[in-house]
Amino acid sequence: MHAGSRAEFEAFREWRDRSRPLVLDSGCGTGASTVELGHRHPGAQVLGIDRSAHRLARAPAFGPDRLCIRARLEDAWRLLAADGDRPVRHYLLYPNPWPKPGHIARRWPAHPVFPVVLALGGVLTVRSNWRIYLEECAVALGLYGRRPPPVVSFEADAPLTPFERKYAASGHILYDLTLDLDLTDWRTSDAHA
C-alpha cells in the first residue's frame, strides 16, 4: 500500500461524519464531478479520490460536505473496506479504459481489487463512452455471481463530468451501468431483470 494513500485516508477519517451517508467519486479528476454529486445527494458527504496531484490542484475548496483526496483507488477502496465505511453510492465516471489488449489487467473489472469494489456495496454507477468497457464490467459481475442490469445508452442533459460534457457535445454515445450491490440474491431477484 502506498504511504501517501494511507496518509490521505487518515485525513478522510478525520473529516468523515459517519452519521451521514457516504458517496464515492472514484477517479474524480479536478473535483468537478464531486461538486456536482454533492448537489445531487444533499445530506451526504461526497469523497472524491484521484491519484493525480496535477488534476486535484484544480479542485475547488471543500468543506464538511465534499472532500477530495490524492490516493490510489485500489488503496482507498481497500482502506474503506477494512474500516467498514460503506458508501450508499459509488461512481466510476469515464475511467481510463486502457484499450490495448495487453493492458486488460489495468481495467477495473479485470483488476485484482474488483471484488473489494463489490464488497463496498451501495449503488454502483459506471459510465463511459466506450461500450465494451461496460460490457466487461457486466461480464466481471457475472463471474462474481452477480446479475448486472443491461448496459444502456443515455443522453447527458446535465453532465456529471467535464468528460461527459465533452463526449456528449462531440456526438459520442454515452453508456451507463448502474446496479445495487446490496441486493442479497442476484440470481433470483427481478429488481434488475
N, C-alpha and C. Protein backbone atom coordinates (compact mmCIF):
# COMPACT_ATOMS: atom_id res chain seq x y z
N MET A 1 0.84 -1.17 0.00
CA MET A 1 0.00 0.00 0.00
C MET A 1 0.88 1.24 0.00
N HIS A 2 0.51 2.21 -0.79
CA HIS A 2 1.26 3.45 -0.93
C HIS A 2 1.10 4.29 0.35
N ALA A 3 2.21 4.79 0.89
CA ALA A 3 2.18 5.57 2.14
C ALA A 3 1.34 6.83 1.98
N GLY A 4 1.41 7.46 0.81
CA GLY A 4 0.61 8.67 0.58
C GLY A 4 -0.88 8.38 0.64
N SER A 5 -1.29 7.24 0.10
CA SER A 5 -2.71 6.87 0.16
C SER A 5 -3.16 6.71 1.60
N ARG A 6 -2.33 6.08 2.42
CA ARG A 6 -2.69 5.86 3.82
C ARG A 6 -2.80 7.20 4.57
N ALA A 7 -1.87 8.13 4.30
CA ALA A 7 -1.92 9.44 4.95
C ALA A 7 -3.17 10.21 4.54
N GLU A 8 -3.51 10.17 3.27
CA GLU A 8 -4.72 10.85 2.79
C GLU A 8 -5.97 10.22 3.39
N PHE A 9 -5.95 8.90 3.55
CA PHE A 9 -7.10 8.22 4.15
C PHE A 9 -7.29 8.66 5.60
N GLU A 10 -6.19 8.90 6.30
CA GLU A 10 -6.30 9.39 7.68
C GLU A 10 -6.96 10.77 7.71
N ALA A 11 -6.63 11.62 6.75
CA ALA A 11 -7.28 12.94 6.65
C ALA A 11 -8.78 12.76 6.38
N PHE A 12 -9.11 11.80 5.53
CA PHE A 12 -10.52 11.49 5.26
C PHE A 12 -11.22 11.05 6.54
N ARG A 13 -10.59 10.18 7.32
CA ARG A 13 -11.22 9.69 8.55
C ARG A 13 -11.50 10.82 9.53
N GLU A 14 -10.61 11.79 9.60
CA GLU A 14 -10.83 12.94 10.48
C GLU A 14 -12.01 13.79 10.00
N TRP A 15 -12.16 13.88 8.68
CA TRP A 15 -13.23 14.68 8.07
C TRP A 15 -14.58 13.97 8.16
N ARG A 16 -14.58 12.66 8.10
CA ARG A 16 -15.78 11.85 7.94
C ARG A 16 -16.71 11.91 9.15
N ASP A 17 -17.99 12.16 8.86
CA ASP A 17 -19.06 12.12 9.85
C ASP A 17 -19.90 10.89 9.54
N ARG A 18 -19.71 9.83 10.29
CA ARG A 18 -20.37 8.56 9.97
C ARG A 18 -21.87 8.56 10.22
N SER A 19 -22.39 9.64 10.75
CA SER A 19 -23.85 9.72 10.89
C SER A 19 -24.49 10.12 9.56
N ARG A 20 -23.67 10.49 8.58
CA ARG A 20 -24.16 10.91 7.27
C ARG A 20 -23.82 9.86 6.21
N PRO A 21 -24.65 9.73 5.17
CA PRO A 21 -24.33 8.80 4.08
C PRO A 21 -23.06 9.23 3.36
N LEU A 22 -22.36 8.25 2.81
CA LEU A 22 -21.13 8.49 2.05
C LEU A 22 -21.36 8.19 0.58
N VAL A 23 -20.92 9.11 -0.28
CA VAL A 23 -20.95 8.93 -1.73
C VAL A 23 -19.51 8.98 -2.20
N LEU A 24 -19.09 7.99 -3.00
CA LEU A 24 -17.73 7.95 -3.54
C LEU A 24 -17.72 8.42 -4.99
N ASP A 25 -16.75 9.24 -5.31
CA ASP A 25 -16.49 9.69 -6.68
C ASP A 25 -15.08 9.21 -7.01
N SER A 26 -14.97 7.99 -7.48
CA SER A 26 -13.66 7.36 -7.73
C SER A 26 -13.10 7.79 -9.07
N GLY A 27 -11.90 8.39 -9.03
CA GLY A 27 -11.30 8.95 -10.25
C GLY A 27 -11.89 10.31 -10.52
N CYS A 28 -11.97 11.16 -9.50
CA CYS A 28 -12.71 12.43 -9.58
C CYS A 28 -12.04 13.50 -10.42
N GLY A 29 -10.77 13.31 -10.81
CA GLY A 29 -10.10 14.32 -11.64
C GLY A 29 -9.98 15.64 -10.91
N THR A 30 -10.55 16.70 -11.49
CA THR A 30 -10.44 18.04 -10.92
C THR A 30 -11.46 18.32 -9.82
N GLY A 31 -12.29 17.36 -9.50
CA GLY A 31 -13.29 17.54 -8.46
C GLY A 31 -14.60 18.14 -8.94
N ALA A 32 -14.72 18.43 -10.24
CA ALA A 32 -15.98 18.99 -10.76
C ALA A 32 -17.14 18.02 -10.53
N SER A 33 -16.90 16.73 -10.75
CA SER A 33 -17.95 15.74 -10.53
C SER A 33 -18.27 15.60 -9.05
N THR A 34 -17.29 15.78 -8.18
CA THR A 34 -17.52 15.71 -6.73
C THR A 34 -18.48 16.81 -6.31
N VAL A 35 -18.28 18.00 -6.85
CA VAL A 35 -19.18 19.12 -6.56
C VAL A 35 -20.58 18.80 -7.07
N GLU A 36 -20.68 18.33 -8.31
CA GLU A 36 -22.00 18.02 -8.90
C GLU A 36 -22.70 16.92 -8.10
N LEU A 37 -21.97 15.90 -7.69
CA LEU A 37 -22.58 14.82 -6.90
C LEU A 37 -23.05 15.34 -5.55
N GLY A 38 -22.35 16.32 -5.00
CA GLY A 38 -22.80 16.94 -3.76
C GLY A 38 -24.16 17.61 -3.93
N HIS A 39 -24.37 18.24 -5.08
CA HIS A 39 -25.67 18.86 -5.37
C HIS A 39 -26.75 17.80 -5.53
N ARG A 40 -26.39 16.68 -6.13
CA ARG A 40 -27.38 15.63 -6.39
C ARG A 40 -27.68 14.76 -5.18
N HIS A 41 -26.81 14.80 -4.19
CA HIS A 41 -27.00 13.99 -2.99
C HIS A 41 -26.90 14.86 -1.74
N PRO A 42 -27.86 15.78 -1.56
CA PRO A 42 -27.80 16.65 -0.38
C PRO A 42 -27.91 15.81 0.89
N GLY A 43 -27.19 16.20 1.90
CA GLY A 43 -27.19 15.47 3.15
C GLY A 43 -26.09 14.43 3.24
N ALA A 44 -25.51 14.07 2.10
CA ALA A 44 -24.43 13.08 2.08
C ALA A 44 -23.08 13.79 2.13
N GLN A 45 -22.07 13.05 2.52
CA GLN A 45 -20.69 13.51 2.37
C GLN A 45 -20.16 12.85 1.11
N VAL A 46 -19.56 13.64 0.23
CA VAL A 46 -19.04 13.12 -1.04
C VAL A 46 -17.52 13.14 -0.99
N LEU A 47 -16.93 11.97 -1.19
CA LEU A 47 -15.48 11.82 -1.21
C LEU A 47 -15.01 11.60 -2.63
N GLY A 48 -14.21 12.54 -3.15
CA GLY A 48 -13.57 12.37 -4.44
C GLY A 48 -12.17 11.81 -4.24
N ILE A 49 -11.80 10.84 -5.06
CA ILE A 49 -10.48 10.21 -4.96
C ILE A 49 -9.83 10.24 -6.34
N ASP A 50 -8.59 10.71 -6.40
CA ASP A 50 -7.84 10.69 -7.65
C ASP A 50 -6.36 10.58 -7.30
N ARG A 51 -5.57 9.98 -8.20
CA ARG A 51 -4.14 9.83 -7.92
C ARG A 51 -3.30 10.98 -8.46
N SER A 52 -3.91 11.89 -9.24
CA SER A 52 -3.16 12.95 -9.90
C SER A 52 -3.15 14.24 -9.08
N ALA A 53 -1.97 14.63 -8.62
CA ALA A 53 -1.82 15.91 -7.91
C ALA A 53 -2.13 17.06 -8.85
N HIS A 54 -1.75 16.93 -10.13
CA HIS A 54 -2.00 17.99 -11.11
C HIS A 54 -3.50 18.26 -11.26
N ARG A 55 -4.29 17.20 -11.42
CA ARG A 55 -5.74 17.38 -11.56
C ARG A 55 -6.35 17.92 -10.26
N LEU A 56 -5.95 17.36 -9.13
CA LEU A 56 -6.54 17.78 -7.86
C LEU A 56 -6.15 19.20 -7.48
N ALA A 57 -5.06 19.71 -8.03
CA ALA A 57 -4.66 21.10 -7.76
C ALA A 57 -5.71 22.08 -8.28
N ARG A 58 -6.52 21.63 -9.23
CA ARG A 58 -7.57 22.48 -9.79
C ARG A 58 -8.92 22.27 -9.10
N ALA A 59 -8.96 21.42 -8.07
CA ALA A 59 -10.21 21.15 -7.35
C ALA A 59 -10.63 22.38 -6.56
N PRO A 60 -11.95 22.61 -6.49
CA PRO A 60 -12.43 23.75 -5.70
C PRO A 60 -12.23 23.49 -4.21
N ALA A 61 -12.40 24.53 -3.41
CA ALA A 61 -12.30 24.37 -1.96
C ALA A 61 -13.41 23.45 -1.47
N PHE A 62 -13.10 22.67 -0.48
CA PHE A 62 -14.08 21.73 0.04
C PHE A 62 -14.35 22.00 1.51
N GLY A 63 -15.44 21.45 2.00
CA GLY A 63 -15.84 21.66 3.38
C GLY A 63 -16.43 20.40 3.97
N PRO A 64 -17.40 20.52 4.85
CA PRO A 64 -17.94 19.34 5.54
C PRO A 64 -18.75 18.41 4.63
N ASP A 65 -19.18 18.90 3.47
CA ASP A 65 -19.99 18.07 2.57
C ASP A 65 -19.20 17.36 1.49
N ARG A 66 -18.04 17.94 1.10
CA ARG A 66 -17.26 17.39 -0.01
C ARG A 66 -15.78 17.47 0.32
N LEU A 67 -15.06 16.44 -0.10
CA LEU A 67 -13.61 16.38 0.11
C LEU A 67 -13.00 15.60 -1.04
N CYS A 68 -11.84 16.04 -1.52
CA CYS A 68 -11.07 15.27 -2.49
C CYS A 68 -9.73 14.91 -1.85
N ILE A 69 -9.33 13.66 -2.06
CA ILE A 69 -8.03 13.21 -1.55
C ILE A 69 -7.23 12.63 -2.70
N ARG A 70 -5.89 12.71 -2.54
CA ARG A 70 -5.00 12.12 -3.53
C ARG A 70 -4.59 10.74 -3.03
N ALA A 71 -5.04 9.72 -3.73
CA ALA A 71 -4.74 8.35 -3.34
C ALA A 71 -4.93 7.44 -4.54
N ARG A 72 -4.26 6.30 -4.49
CA ARG A 72 -4.52 5.25 -5.49
C ARG A 72 -5.87 4.65 -5.17
N LEU A 73 -6.71 4.48 -6.19
CA LEU A 73 -8.05 3.96 -5.95
C LEU A 73 -8.02 2.60 -5.27
N GLU A 74 -7.13 1.72 -5.72
CA GLU A 74 -7.11 0.38 -5.12
C GLU A 74 -6.77 0.45 -3.64
N ASP A 75 -5.90 1.38 -3.25
CA ASP A 75 -5.57 1.56 -1.84
C ASP A 75 -6.78 2.12 -1.08
N ALA A 76 -7.38 3.16 -1.62
CA ALA A 76 -8.52 3.80 -0.94
C ALA A 76 -9.66 2.81 -0.76
N TRP A 77 -9.96 2.03 -1.80
CA TRP A 77 -11.05 1.06 -1.69
C TRP A 77 -10.75 0.01 -0.61
N ARG A 78 -9.51 -0.46 -0.57
CA ARG A 78 -9.14 -1.45 0.45
C ARG A 78 -9.22 -0.85 1.85
N LEU A 79 -8.77 0.40 2.01
CA LEU A 79 -8.82 1.05 3.32
C LEU A 79 -10.27 1.28 3.76
N LEU A 80 -11.13 1.69 2.84
CA LEU A 80 -12.55 1.86 3.17
C LEU A 80 -13.16 0.54 3.61
N ALA A 81 -12.87 -0.52 2.88
CA ALA A 81 -13.42 -1.84 3.21
C ALA A 81 -12.93 -2.29 4.59
N ALA A 82 -11.64 -2.11 4.86
CA ALA A 82 -11.07 -2.52 6.15
C ALA A 82 -11.66 -1.69 7.29
N ASP A 83 -11.99 -0.44 7.01
CA ASP A 83 -12.55 0.46 8.02
C ASP A 83 -14.05 0.24 8.22
N GLY A 84 -14.67 -0.52 7.31
CA GLY A 84 -16.10 -0.78 7.41
C GLY A 84 -16.99 0.39 7.02
N ASP A 85 -16.43 1.36 6.31
CA ASP A 85 -17.21 2.52 5.87
C ASP A 85 -17.76 2.22 4.48
N ARG A 86 -19.06 2.07 4.39
CA ARG A 86 -19.70 1.64 3.14
C ARG A 86 -20.44 2.80 2.48
N PRO A 87 -20.16 3.05 1.21
CA PRO A 87 -20.89 4.12 0.52
C PRO A 87 -22.32 3.70 0.19
N VAL A 88 -23.20 4.69 0.13
CA VAL A 88 -24.55 4.43 -0.36
C VAL A 88 -24.56 4.51 -1.89
N ARG A 89 -23.66 5.32 -2.44
CA ARG A 89 -23.50 5.44 -3.89
C ARG A 89 -22.01 5.46 -4.20
N HIS A 90 -21.65 4.84 -5.33
CA HIS A 90 -20.25 4.79 -5.77
C HIS A 90 -20.25 5.05 -7.27
N TYR A 91 -19.53 6.08 -7.69
CA TYR A 91 -19.47 6.47 -9.10
C TYR A 91 -18.07 6.24 -9.65
N LEU A 92 -18.01 5.55 -10.79
CA LEU A 92 -16.79 5.40 -11.60
C LEU A 92 -17.12 6.03 -12.95
N LEU A 93 -16.75 7.27 -13.11
CA LEU A 93 -17.19 8.05 -14.27
C LEU A 93 -16.05 8.24 -15.26
N TYR A 94 -16.19 7.63 -16.42
CA TYR A 94 -15.25 7.77 -17.52
C TYR A 94 -13.82 7.41 -17.13
N PRO A 95 -13.65 6.21 -16.53
CA PRO A 95 -12.28 5.78 -16.20
C PRO A 95 -11.49 5.53 -17.47
N ASN A 96 -10.17 5.61 -17.35
CA ASN A 96 -9.30 5.28 -18.48
C ASN A 96 -9.56 3.82 -18.85
N PRO A 97 -10.03 3.54 -20.06
CA PRO A 97 -10.36 2.15 -20.40
C PRO A 97 -9.16 1.27 -20.74
N TRP A 98 -7.95 1.84 -20.79
CA TRP A 98 -6.77 1.06 -21.15
C TRP A 98 -7.12 0.14 -22.33
N PRO A 99 -7.30 0.69 -23.52
CA PRO A 99 -7.85 -0.09 -24.64
C PRO A 99 -6.94 -1.15 -25.25
N LYS A 100 -5.63 -1.09 -25.00
CA LYS A 100 -4.75 -2.09 -25.61
C LYS A 100 -4.96 -3.45 -24.95
N PRO A 101 -4.95 -4.53 -25.74
CA PRO A 101 -5.17 -5.87 -25.17
C PRO A 101 -4.21 -6.21 -24.03
N GLY A 102 -2.98 -5.75 -24.11
CA GLY A 102 -2.01 -6.05 -23.07
C GLY A 102 -2.26 -5.32 -21.76
N HIS A 103 -3.19 -4.38 -21.78
CA HIS A 103 -3.49 -3.59 -20.59
C HIS A 103 -4.75 -4.05 -19.86
N ILE A 104 -5.31 -5.17 -20.24
CA ILE A 104 -6.61 -5.56 -19.67
C ILE A 104 -6.59 -5.62 -18.14
N ALA A 105 -5.50 -6.04 -17.54
CA ALA A 105 -5.44 -6.15 -16.08
C ALA A 105 -5.48 -4.78 -15.40
N ARG A 106 -5.27 -3.71 -16.17
CA ARG A 106 -5.36 -2.36 -15.61
C ARG A 106 -6.80 -1.86 -15.58
N ARG A 107 -7.69 -2.50 -16.34
CA ARG A 107 -9.09 -2.09 -16.34
C ARG A 107 -9.74 -2.64 -15.07
N TRP A 108 -10.56 -1.81 -14.41
CA TRP A 108 -11.10 -2.19 -13.11
C TRP A 108 -11.81 -3.53 -13.10
N PRO A 109 -12.62 -3.90 -14.09
CA PRO A 109 -13.30 -5.20 -13.98
C PRO A 109 -12.35 -6.40 -14.04
N ALA A 110 -11.12 -6.21 -14.53
CA ALA A 110 -10.14 -7.31 -14.58
C ALA A 110 -9.06 -7.16 -13.52
N HIS A 111 -9.13 -6.11 -12.74
CA HIS A 111 -8.11 -5.82 -11.73
C HIS A 111 -8.36 -6.67 -10.48
N PRO A 112 -7.31 -7.08 -9.78
CA PRO A 112 -7.50 -7.88 -8.56
C PRO A 112 -8.32 -7.18 -7.47
N VAL A 113 -8.47 -5.86 -7.53
CA VAL A 113 -9.22 -5.14 -6.50
C VAL A 113 -10.73 -5.14 -6.76
N PHE A 114 -11.17 -5.63 -7.91
CA PHE A 114 -12.59 -5.57 -8.26
C PHE A 114 -13.50 -6.21 -7.20
N PRO A 115 -13.14 -7.35 -6.59
CA PRO A 115 -14.00 -7.90 -5.53
C PRO A 115 -14.17 -6.95 -4.35
N VAL A 116 -13.17 -6.11 -4.08
CA VAL A 116 -13.28 -5.14 -2.99
C VAL A 116 -14.33 -4.09 -3.36
N VAL A 117 -14.34 -3.66 -4.62
CA VAL A 117 -15.36 -2.70 -5.09
C VAL A 117 -16.74 -3.29 -4.84
N LEU A 118 -16.93 -4.55 -5.17
CA LEU A 118 -18.23 -5.19 -4.96
C LEU A 118 -18.56 -5.28 -3.47
N ALA A 119 -17.56 -5.60 -2.65
CA ALA A 119 -17.79 -5.74 -1.21
C ALA A 119 -18.14 -4.41 -0.54
N LEU A 120 -17.71 -3.28 -1.12
CA LEU A 120 -18.06 -1.99 -0.54
C LEU A 120 -19.56 -1.77 -0.55
N GLY A 121 -20.25 -2.35 -1.52
CA GLY A 121 -21.70 -2.24 -1.58
C GLY A 121 -22.17 -0.89 -2.09
N GLY A 122 -23.43 -0.61 -1.83
CA GLY A 122 -24.05 0.62 -2.32
C GLY A 122 -24.50 0.46 -3.76
N VAL A 123 -24.97 1.54 -4.33
CA VAL A 123 -25.37 1.56 -5.73
C VAL A 123 -24.15 2.00 -6.54
N LEU A 124 -23.70 1.12 -7.41
CA LEU A 124 -22.53 1.40 -8.25
C LEU A 124 -23.00 1.90 -9.61
N THR A 125 -22.45 3.04 -10.04
CA THR A 125 -22.73 3.59 -11.37
C THR A 125 -21.41 3.73 -12.10
N VAL A 126 -21.32 3.07 -13.26
CA VAL A 126 -20.15 3.18 -14.12
C VAL A 126 -20.63 3.78 -15.43
N ARG A 127 -19.96 4.85 -15.86
CA ARG A 127 -20.31 5.49 -17.14
C ARG A 127 -19.07 5.59 -18.00
N SER A 128 -19.28 5.45 -19.32
CA SER A 128 -18.18 5.54 -20.28
C SER A 128 -18.76 5.82 -21.66
N ASN A 129 -17.90 6.30 -22.54
CA ASN A 129 -18.26 6.40 -23.95
C ASN A 129 -17.74 5.18 -24.71
N TRP A 130 -17.18 4.23 -23.99
CA TRP A 130 -16.62 3.01 -24.57
C TRP A 130 -17.46 1.83 -24.10
N ARG A 131 -18.41 1.40 -24.92
CA ARG A 131 -19.38 0.37 -24.53
C ARG A 131 -18.72 -0.92 -24.07
N ILE A 132 -17.65 -1.32 -24.75
CA ILE A 132 -17.03 -2.59 -24.39
C ILE A 132 -16.52 -2.58 -22.95
N TYR A 133 -16.11 -1.42 -22.46
CA TYR A 133 -15.66 -1.33 -21.07
C TYR A 133 -16.80 -1.71 -20.12
N LEU A 134 -17.99 -1.19 -20.37
CA LEU A 134 -19.13 -1.51 -19.52
C LEU A 134 -19.57 -2.96 -19.71
N GLU A 135 -19.44 -3.47 -20.92
CA GLU A 135 -19.75 -4.89 -21.14
C GLU A 135 -18.77 -5.78 -20.36
N GLU A 136 -17.52 -5.36 -20.29
CA GLU A 136 -16.54 -6.10 -19.48
C GLU A 136 -16.91 -6.04 -18.00
N CYS A 137 -17.42 -4.90 -17.54
CA CYS A 137 -17.90 -4.81 -16.16
C CYS A 137 -19.03 -5.79 -15.92
N ALA A 138 -19.95 -5.88 -16.87
CA ALA A 138 -21.07 -6.80 -16.74
C ALA A 138 -20.60 -8.25 -16.69
N VAL A 139 -19.63 -8.61 -17.54
CA VAL A 139 -19.09 -9.98 -17.52
C VAL A 139 -18.41 -10.25 -16.18
N ALA A 140 -17.62 -9.30 -15.69
CA ALA A 140 -16.94 -9.49 -14.41
C ALA A 140 -17.95 -9.66 -13.28
N LEU A 141 -19.03 -8.90 -13.31
CA LEU A 141 -20.07 -9.06 -12.29
C LEU A 141 -20.64 -10.47 -12.33
N GLY A 142 -20.87 -10.99 -13.53
CA GLY A 142 -21.36 -12.36 -13.68
C GLY A 142 -20.38 -13.37 -13.12
N LEU A 143 -19.09 -13.14 -13.33
CA LEU A 143 -18.07 -14.06 -12.81
C LEU A 143 -18.05 -14.08 -11.28
N TYR A 144 -18.48 -12.97 -10.67
CA TYR A 144 -18.55 -12.90 -9.22
C TYR A 144 -19.96 -13.19 -8.69
N GLY A 145 -20.79 -13.85 -9.52
CA GLY A 145 -22.10 -14.29 -9.08
C GLY A 145 -23.16 -13.22 -9.04
N ARG A 146 -22.94 -12.13 -9.74
CA ARG A 146 -23.93 -11.04 -9.77
C ARG A 146 -24.63 -11.03 -11.12
N ARG A 147 -25.88 -10.62 -11.13
CA ARG A 147 -26.62 -10.47 -12.38
C ARG A 147 -26.79 -8.98 -12.66
N PRO A 148 -25.93 -8.41 -13.50
CA PRO A 148 -25.98 -6.96 -13.72
C PRO A 148 -27.15 -6.56 -14.62
N PRO A 149 -27.52 -5.31 -14.53
CA PRO A 149 -28.51 -4.79 -15.47
C PRO A 149 -27.86 -4.64 -16.84
N PRO A 150 -28.64 -4.42 -17.87
CA PRO A 150 -28.04 -4.21 -19.19
C PRO A 150 -27.29 -2.88 -19.23
N VAL A 151 -26.33 -2.84 -20.13
CA VAL A 151 -25.64 -1.58 -20.42
C VAL A 151 -26.60 -0.74 -21.26
N VAL A 152 -26.84 0.49 -20.83
CA VAL A 152 -27.80 1.33 -21.54
C VAL A 152 -27.13 2.61 -22.03
N SER A 153 -27.61 3.11 -23.16
CA SER A 153 -27.15 4.42 -23.63
C SER A 153 -28.06 5.48 -23.02
N PHE A 154 -27.54 6.68 -22.89
CA PHE A 154 -28.33 7.76 -22.31
C PHE A 154 -27.85 9.09 -22.88
N GLU A 155 -28.68 10.11 -22.70
CA GLU A 155 -28.30 11.46 -23.10
C GLU A 155 -27.99 12.25 -21.85
N ALA A 156 -26.87 12.94 -21.85
CA ALA A 156 -26.41 13.69 -20.68
C ALA A 156 -27.01 15.09 -20.69
N ASP A 157 -28.25 15.19 -20.22
CA ASP A 157 -28.89 16.50 -20.15
C ASP A 157 -28.19 17.41 -19.14
N ALA A 158 -27.73 16.81 -18.05
CA ALA A 158 -26.97 17.55 -17.02
C ALA A 158 -25.70 16.75 -16.75
N PRO A 159 -24.64 16.98 -17.52
CA PRO A 159 -23.43 16.17 -17.41
C PRO A 159 -22.83 16.18 -16.00
N LEU A 160 -22.35 15.01 -15.58
CA LEU A 160 -21.71 14.87 -14.28
C LEU A 160 -20.25 15.29 -14.29
N THR A 161 -19.59 15.12 -15.43
CA THR A 161 -18.15 15.39 -15.50
C THR A 161 -17.82 16.22 -16.74
N PRO A 162 -16.65 16.85 -16.75
CA PRO A 162 -16.21 17.53 -17.97
C PRO A 162 -16.09 16.57 -19.16
N PHE A 163 -15.64 15.32 -18.91
CA PHE A 163 -15.56 14.34 -20.00
C PHE A 163 -16.95 14.04 -20.55
N GLU A 164 -17.93 13.88 -19.68
CA GLU A 164 -19.29 13.60 -20.13
C GLU A 164 -19.81 14.74 -20.99
N ARG A 165 -19.53 15.97 -20.57
CA ARG A 165 -19.95 17.15 -21.34
C ARG A 165 -19.27 17.16 -22.72
N LYS A 166 -17.94 16.90 -22.72
CA LYS A 166 -17.18 16.91 -23.97
C LYS A 166 -17.66 15.82 -24.92
N TYR A 167 -17.81 14.59 -24.41
CA TYR A 167 -18.24 13.49 -25.27
C TYR A 167 -19.64 13.72 -25.80
N ALA A 168 -20.54 14.22 -24.97
CA ALA A 168 -21.91 14.48 -25.41
C ALA A 168 -21.92 15.55 -26.50
N ALA A 169 -21.13 16.61 -26.31
CA ALA A 169 -21.08 17.70 -27.28
C ALA A 169 -20.50 17.25 -28.62
N SER A 170 -19.61 16.26 -28.58
CA SER A 170 -18.99 15.80 -29.83
C SER A 170 -19.75 14.64 -30.48
N GLY A 171 -20.91 14.29 -29.93
CA GLY A 171 -21.76 13.28 -30.55
C GLY A 171 -21.47 11.84 -30.16
N HIS A 172 -20.62 11.62 -29.18
CA HIS A 172 -20.36 10.26 -28.71
C HIS A 172 -21.62 9.68 -28.08
N ILE A 173 -21.81 8.39 -28.21
CA ILE A 173 -22.87 7.71 -27.48
C ILE A 173 -22.31 7.43 -26.08
N LEU A 174 -23.10 7.77 -25.06
CA LEU A 174 -22.69 7.57 -23.68
C LEU A 174 -23.42 6.37 -23.11
N TYR A 175 -22.73 5.59 -22.27
CA TYR A 175 -23.29 4.36 -21.72
C TYR A 175 -23.23 4.37 -20.20
N ASP A 176 -24.19 3.69 -19.60
CA ASP A 176 -24.32 3.62 -18.15
C ASP A 176 -24.61 2.19 -17.73
N LEU A 177 -23.98 1.79 -16.64
CA LEU A 177 -24.31 0.53 -15.98
C LEU A 177 -24.46 0.88 -14.50
N THR A 178 -25.68 0.73 -13.98
CA THR A 178 -25.97 1.06 -12.59
C THR A 178 -26.62 -0.14 -11.93
N LEU A 179 -26.10 -0.53 -10.76
CA LEU A 179 -26.68 -1.66 -10.05
C LEU A 179 -26.52 -1.49 -8.55
N ASP A 180 -27.45 -2.08 -7.82
CA ASP A 180 -27.42 -2.05 -6.37
C ASP A 180 -26.64 -3.27 -5.88
N LEU A 181 -25.46 -3.04 -5.35
CA LEU A 181 -24.60 -4.14 -4.91
C LEU A 181 -25.08 -4.75 -3.59
N ASP A 182 -26.04 -4.13 -2.94
CA ASP A 182 -26.51 -4.64 -1.66
C ASP A 182 -27.67 -5.61 -1.78
N LEU A 183 -28.13 -5.87 -2.99
CA LEU A 183 -29.16 -6.90 -3.16
C LEU A 183 -28.58 -8.22 -2.68
N THR A 184 -29.35 -8.97 -1.92
CA THR A 184 -28.80 -10.17 -1.29
C THR A 184 -28.76 -11.37 -2.23
N ASP A 185 -29.69 -11.45 -3.17
CA ASP A 185 -29.70 -12.63 -4.05
C ASP A 185 -29.85 -12.17 -5.50
N TRP A 186 -28.72 -12.01 -6.16
CA TRP A 186 -28.73 -11.50 -7.53
C TRP A 186 -29.30 -12.49 -8.53
N ARG A 187 -29.18 -13.75 -8.25
CA ARG A 187 -29.64 -14.76 -9.21
C ARG A 187 -31.15 -14.87 -9.26
N THR A 188 -31.84 -14.54 -8.18
CA THR A 188 -33.30 -14.71 -8.16
C THR A 188 -34.06 -13.41 -8.11
N SER A 189 -33.39 -12.31 -7.82
CA SER A 189 -34.09 -11.02 -7.73
C SER A 189 -34.47 -10.52 -9.12
N ASP A 190 -35.68 -9.95 -9.24
CA ASP A 190 -36.03 -9.34 -10.52
C ASP A 190 -35.91 -7.82 -10.45
N ALA A 191 -35.21 -7.31 -9.45
CA ALA A 191 -35.01 -5.86 -9.35
C ALA A 191 -34.22 -5.34 -10.53
N HIS A 192 -33.38 -6.18 -11.12
CA HIS A 192 -32.56 -5.76 -12.28
C HIS A 192 -32.79 -6.67 -13.47
N ALA A 193 -33.99 -7.22 -13.59
CA ALA A 193 -34.27 -8.14 -14.70
C ALA A 193 -34.28 -7.41 -16.02
